[in-house]
Structure formats: structure tokens, C-alpha cells
Amino acid sequence: MNQKQTKISALLITYNEEKHIVSAIKNIEFADEIIVVDGKSTDATVQLLEQFPKVKVISRAFKNFADQRNFAINQAAHQWILFIDADERIPKPLKHELLEAINIKNDVVAYLFKRRFFFNKKVIKYSGLQSDTTYRLFKKESAKYDTSKLVHEQLIVNGKSRVLNNYMLHYCYTSNTDYKRKMEHYATLKAEELHTNGKQATLAHFIFRPVYKFITNYIFRLGFLDGKEGFSICYLSAYGVWYRYKMLKMLNKTKA
């Protein structure tokens, strides 16, 4: 069977991804089309993409993740969409599995990928990340991102889904500073979402929610087994919860 029989549009949304972008593009060169929607990066992301004539780059101001992802989907020419982040990689076993999956005649319209997380070069086995799956392969006409979710965007799938067996690699933790910045960005968008829905920040949100997040991931989801990296991830995830309600409180004051 010809694995390339069914064509794929590979999509990325980027902002200041100069550390990852070259490796990310080389990793998905098997796709028939590669589109990068860049949120007006201020680093060398766009310049680095110029070495790839196959890649179509669209510069578009970032509003939120769901909006940017849906825009990217609308640019795709092919039925099957492979949507990855710049810090994700598809190993050969997963590549072969996904190519086989889209060429099998069945009623599956979307596939979830299991992800294996890395803190620099160390595999993170626990810390609340051990059961992570996310949609990364789907038919264009059967899925859109929920525009009410500004962060941790949710794909709405109209049809049958399945989880692939092989793991995607996720190099999302390069340093505590970078991860803290990422948590603050996500928390700010989540605060905007909560504010839009009329939510208020209370003292309990600042105290109990972060503590609960840390204890759950570090103790009950075995983050302590990931060593110092596990502590950092669990602490910064809890910090992201605290920062979310800090931003919500500010929004409630300024937009009252």
C-alpha cells in the first residue's frame, strides 16, 4: 500500500519559536503541505523558515489559541490535518502509524496522540502528565476548535475518534524561566475566559486552588518520582493557577 496515497496538510501556529522551528519543520517534511501561521514573532522564527521553500508562512496577529488554530485549518488544502506545536516531534513509529491510519477505510475522523514529556533531555514520567493525550490528526471538515476556550483549546469532533499507540515527544520544558513565562501566558488567557463568563476571584482561589494543584500532581500523581524536575513542574503548574486568579482579579477591577 502506498502510504502517501492520502495527502496531509501539516499546520503549526508559532510565536518566538526560534529554538524549535527548524527541527519541527524537518520532522514533518513528509507532509504534502506545511503551513505556519506566525503570531508576528519578534525573534528569528520567520527568518529561519525562509530556508524551507515548501513551507507557506502567514503572519497574523495572535488573538487566542482557538482563533489562531481555526484560521490555520481554513488555510489547509487537504482533507487530513496534522496539527503540531513547534516543541513536539513525531518519531518514526508514530509517523508510520499515522500514515497507515489515514489510508485505512473506516469511520474514524480524528486521532489522539499520546505524549511523552521532556524537561530538557529528561523524560518526565509522572507529575500529572502520564495520561496526557491530545488531538493532532483529524479531517478538516469534521473538527473545529471551541472558540469559547481561549487556552487549553478543545477540539470539537463530529464523528468517531481513536487513540494511536505510539507516542509523540513533547519538549515543552527547556528551563524554569521559559516554563514560568508559558504558565503566565496561559493563565492570562484563562483569566480573560473566566472574566468573560462573569467569574470572580476569591481568597479561596488564591489559597486552596494552587495548593490542591500542587498536592495532586506532586503527591497523588507521583511528581516526586520525577526528582527536582518534577518538583519544578508541579510548583510552576500551581503557580500558574495562582497567577490566573491574580489576572482575573485585575480584570474584574479594571473592567468593572
Protein backbone atom coordinates (compact mmCIF):
# COMPACT_ATOMS: atom_id res chain seq x y z
CA MET A 1 0.00 0.00 0.00
CA ASN A 2 1.28 3.48 -0.82
CA GLN A 3 1.50 5.34 2.47
CA LYS A 4 1.43 8.72 0.73
CA GLN A 5 -1.79 7.98 -1.13
CA THR A 6 -3.81 10.25 1.16
CA LYS A 7 -2.42 13.78 1.33
CA ILE A 8 -1.78 15.65 4.59
CA SER A 9 -1.68 19.32 5.45
CA ALA A 10 0.69 19.90 8.40
CA LEU A 11 -0.10 23.03 10.41
CA LEU A 12 1.72 24.98 13.12
CA ILE A 13 0.98 28.20 14.95
CA THR A 14 4.09 29.94 16.24
CA TYR A 15 5.35 32.87 18.25
CA ASN A 16 9.06 33.24 19.01
CA GLU A 17 9.93 29.61 18.36
CA GLU A 18 13.47 30.04 17.03
CA LYS A 19 14.72 27.30 19.40
CA HIS A 20 12.41 24.68 17.91
CA ILE A 21 11.23 25.71 14.47
CA VAL A 22 13.95 24.20 12.26
CA SER A 23 13.76 20.78 13.93
CA ALA A 24 9.96 20.94 13.91
CA ILE A 25 9.77 21.55 10.15
CA LYS A 26 12.36 18.89 9.32
CA ASN A 27 10.35 16.45 11.43
CA ILE A 28 7.18 16.89 9.35
CA GLU A 29 8.64 17.20 5.86
CA PHE A 30 6.76 14.02 4.94
CA ALA A 31 3.57 16.11 4.80
CA ASP A 32 2.32 17.21 1.38
CA GLU A 33 1.76 20.77 2.59
CA ILE A 34 3.20 22.70 5.54
CA ILE A 35 1.58 25.94 6.72
CA VAL A 36 2.90 28.07 9.59
CA VAL A 37 0.67 30.80 10.99
CA ASP A 38 3.04 33.07 12.88
CA GLY A 39 1.76 35.47 15.52
CA LYS A 40 4.21 38.22 14.49
CA SER A 41 7.29 36.78 16.17
CA THR A 42 9.98 39.18 17.33
CA ASP A 43 12.82 36.63 17.19
CA ALA A 44 14.30 34.76 14.19
CA THR A 45 11.39 32.33 13.69
CA VAL A 46 10.23 33.73 10.34
CA GLN A 47 13.78 34.21 9.02
CA LEU A 48 14.64 30.59 9.84
CA LEU A 49 11.57 29.42 7.94
CA GLU A 50 12.89 31.04 4.75
CA GLN A 51 15.24 28.07 4.26
CA PHE A 52 12.20 25.85 3.64
CA PRO A 53 10.66 26.74 0.25
CA LYS A 54 7.92 24.16 0.79
CA VAL A 55 6.62 26.00 3.87
CA LYS A 56 3.91 28.63 3.49
CA VAL A 57 4.22 31.29 6.22
CA ILE A 58 1.27 33.52 7.12
CA SER A 59 1.80 36.42 9.51
CA ARG A 60 -1.28 37.03 11.65
CA ALA A 61 -1.71 38.77 15.00
CA PHE A 62 -2.46 36.34 17.83
CA LYS A 63 -5.85 36.73 19.49
CA ASN A 64 -6.14 33.38 21.27
CA PHE A 65 -5.22 29.76 20.58
CA ALA A 66 -8.61 28.58 19.32
CA ASP A 67 -8.96 31.52 16.93
CA GLN A 68 -5.43 31.07 15.55
CA ARG A 69 -5.82 27.31 15.13
CA ASN A 70 -9.17 27.61 13.35
CA PHE A 71 -7.68 30.18 10.99
CA ALA A 72 -4.84 27.78 10.19
CA ILE A 73 -7.28 24.94 9.50
CA ASN A 74 -9.14 27.11 6.99
CA GLN A 75 -5.90 27.60 5.01
CA ALA A 76 -5.31 23.87 4.53
CA ALA A 77 -5.73 22.39 1.06
CA HIS A 78 -6.04 18.73 2.04
CA GLN A 79 -8.65 16.71 3.89
CA TRP A 80 -6.39 15.36 6.63
CA ILE A 81 -4.85 17.85 9.06
CA LEU A 82 -1.74 17.14 11.13
CA PHE A 83 -1.59 19.93 13.72
CA ILE A 84 1.51 20.03 15.89
CA ASP A 85 3.22 22.53 18.16
CA ALA A 86 6.78 23.67 17.49
CA ASP A 87 8.07 21.81 20.57
CA GLU A 88 6.52 18.48 19.52
CA ARG A 89 8.20 15.74 17.48
CA ILE A 90 6.84 12.72 15.66
CA PRO A 91 9.14 9.67 15.93
CA LYS A 92 9.27 7.21 13.04
CA PRO A 93 6.93 4.62 14.64
CA LEU A 94 4.23 7.29 15.11
CA LYS A 95 4.82 8.63 11.60
CA HIS A 96 4.27 5.18 10.08
CA GLU A 97 1.23 4.58 12.28
CA LEU A 98 -0.48 7.86 11.37
CA LEU A 99 0.20 7.40 7.65
CA GLU A 100 -1.27 3.93 7.82
CA ALA A 101 -4.27 5.19 9.83
CA ILE A 102 -5.35 7.79 7.27
CA ASN A 103 -5.15 5.26 4.44
CA ILE A 104 -7.39 2.72 6.14
CA LYS A 105 -11.02 2.90 5.11
CA ASN A 106 -13.01 3.34 8.32
CA ASP A 107 -15.29 5.86 10.01
CA VAL A 108 -12.61 7.44 12.23
CA VAL A 109 -12.36 11.19 11.63
CA ALA A 110 -9.85 12.15 14.35
CA TYR A 111 -6.89 10.60 16.15
CA LEU A 112 -5.49 11.42 19.56
CA PHE A 113 -1.74 11.22 20.19
CA LYS A 114 -0.22 10.15 23.48
CA ARG A 115 2.60 12.49 24.51
CA ARG A 116 5.87 11.79 26.32
CA PHE A 117 7.13 14.94 28.06
CA PHE A 118 10.74 16.03 28.45
CA PHE A 119 12.39 18.51 30.81
CA ASN A 120 15.41 19.33 28.65
CA LYS A 121 16.59 15.77 27.90
CA LYS A 122 14.98 14.02 30.88
CA VAL A 123 11.77 12.05 30.37
CA ILE A 124 9.02 13.15 32.75
CA LYS A 125 7.04 10.04 33.67
CA TYR A 126 4.65 11.44 36.27
CA SER A 127 3.81 14.94 37.64
CA GLY A 128 0.25 14.76 36.27
CA LEU A 129 1.45 14.25 32.71
CA GLN A 130 1.39 10.47 32.48
CA SER A 131 -2.08 10.16 30.98
CA ASP A 132 -1.87 13.08 28.54
CA THR A 133 -3.48 12.68 25.12
CA THR A 134 -4.33 15.36 22.58
CA TYR A 135 -5.91 15.60 19.14
CA ARG A 136 -3.25 16.08 16.49
CA LEU A 137 -4.68 14.35 13.38
CA PHE A 138 -8.18 14.91 12.03
CA LYS A 139 -10.31 15.52 8.97
CA LYS A 140 -10.73 19.17 8.11
CA GLU A 141 -14.50 19.09 7.70
CA SER A 142 -15.07 17.11 10.91
CA ALA A 143 -13.34 19.22 13.56
CA LYS A 144 -13.02 22.79 14.81
CA TYR A 145 -11.62 24.32 17.98
CA ASP A 146 -14.08 25.59 20.57
CA THR A 147 -13.86 29.39 20.39
CA SER A 148 -15.12 29.75 23.97
CA LYS A 149 -11.86 28.16 25.20
CA LEU A 150 -9.09 30.73 24.89
CA VAL A 151 -6.40 28.42 26.30
CA HIS A 152 -6.03 24.63 26.60
CA GLU A 153 -8.12 24.71 23.48
CA GLN A 154 -10.61 21.92 22.92
CA LEU A 155 -11.20 20.32 19.55
CA ILE A 156 -14.87 19.65 18.83
CA VAL A 157 -15.02 16.47 16.76
CA ASN A 158 -18.06 15.49 14.74
CA GLY A 159 -17.51 11.77 14.43
CA LYS A 160 -15.51 8.83 15.75
CA SER A 161 -12.07 9.19 17.39
CA ARG A 162 -9.28 6.78 18.23
CA VAL A 163 -6.00 6.94 20.19
CA LEU A 164 -2.85 5.93 18.31
CA ASN A 165 -0.47 3.53 20.02
CA ASN A 166 2.87 5.28 19.57
CA TYR A 167 3.98 8.36 21.48
CA MET A 168 4.62 11.89 20.32
CA LEU A 169 7.59 13.59 22.02
CA HIS A 170 6.93 16.93 23.72
CA TYR A 171 9.95 19.11 24.58
CA CYS A 172 7.95 21.75 26.39
CA TYR A 173 10.23 22.29 29.42
CA THR A 174 13.54 23.88 28.50
CA SER A 175 14.03 25.89 31.70
CA ASN A 176 12.11 27.08 34.74
CA THR A 177 12.14 30.62 33.35
CA ASP A 178 10.65 29.60 30.00
CA TYR A 179 8.03 27.40 31.61
CA LYS A 180 7.07 30.13 34.08
CA ARG A 181 6.60 32.54 31.17
CA LYS A 182 4.44 29.95 29.40
CA MET A 183 2.31 29.41 32.53
CA GLU A 184 1.77 33.17 32.85
CA HIS A 185 0.69 33.43 29.22
CA TYR A 186 -1.79 30.56 29.57
CA ALA A 187 -3.04 31.92 32.90
CA THR A 188 -3.68 35.35 31.40
CA LEU A 189 -5.81 33.88 28.61
CA LYS A 190 -7.68 31.67 31.07
CA ALA A 191 -8.36 34.71 33.26
CA GLU A 192 -9.85 36.51 30.24
CA GLU A 193 -12.05 33.49 29.60
CA LEU A 194 -13.23 33.40 33.23
CA HIS A 195 -13.84 37.16 33.23
CA THR A 196 -15.95 36.88 30.07
CA ASN A 197 -18.03 34.23 31.84
CA GLY A 198 -18.61 36.54 34.82
CA LYS A 199 -16.36 34.72 37.30
CA GLN A 200 -14.89 36.46 40.36
CA ALA A 201 -11.58 35.77 42.12
CA THR A 202 -11.93 34.91 45.81
CA LEU A 203 -9.46 34.28 48.62
CA ALA A 204 -10.13 30.55 48.30
CA HIS A 205 -8.97 30.66 44.69
CA PHE A 206 -5.62 32.14 45.72
CA ILE A 207 -5.01 29.69 48.55
CA PHE A 208 -6.77 26.38 48.02
CA ARG A 209 -6.68 26.03 44.23
CA PRO A 210 -2.86 26.31 43.90
CA VAL A 211 -2.25 24.10 46.95
CA TYR A 212 -4.66 21.48 45.61
CA LYS A 213 -2.96 21.58 42.21
CA PHE A 214 0.48 21.06 43.71
CA ILE A 215 -0.53 18.27 46.10
CA THR A 216 -2.47 16.44 43.40
CA ASN A 217 0.38 16.46 40.88
CA TYR A 218 3.32 16.09 43.27
CA ILE A 219 1.89 13.56 45.72
CA PHE A 220 -1.07 11.72 44.22
CA ARG A 221 0.17 11.81 40.62
CA LEU A 222 3.68 10.91 41.78
CA GLY A 223 5.55 14.04 40.70
CA PHE A 224 8.12 13.41 43.45
CA LEU A 225 9.34 10.40 41.46
CA ASP A 226 10.47 12.80 38.71
CA GLY A 227 13.04 14.33 41.07
CA LYS A 228 13.85 18.02 41.11
CA GLU A 229 12.33 18.42 37.66
CA GLY A 230 9.07 17.01 38.95
CA PHE A 231 9.06 19.48 41.82
CA SER A 232 9.67 22.37 39.42
CA ILE A 233 6.87 21.30 37.07
CA CYS A 234 4.36 20.78 39.90
CA TYR A 235 5.32 24.05 41.60
CA LEU A 236 5.08 26.08 38.40
CA SER A 237 1.76 24.47 37.46
CA ALA A 238 0.42 25.54 40.86
CA TYR A 239 1.92 28.99 40.33
CA GLY A 240 0.03 29.18 37.01
CA VAL A 241 -3.24 28.61 38.90
CA TRP A 242 -2.39 31.39 41.37
CA TYR A 243 -1.40 33.73 38.52
CA ARG A 244 -4.69 33.01 36.74
CA TYR A 245 -6.70 34.39 39.64
CA LYS A 246 -4.31 37.29 40.10
CA MET A 247 -5.02 38.33 36.49
CA LEU A 248 -8.76 37.68 36.94
CA LYS A 249 -8.81 39.98 39.95
CA MET A 250 -7.09 42.69 37.92
CA LEU A 251 -9.54 42.27 35.06
CA ASN A 252 -12.51 42.46 37.44
CA LYS A 253 -11.18 45.75 38.79
CA THR A 254 -10.23 47.40 35.53
CA LYS A 255 -13.31 46.28 33.58
CA ALA A 256 -15.90 46.66 36.30
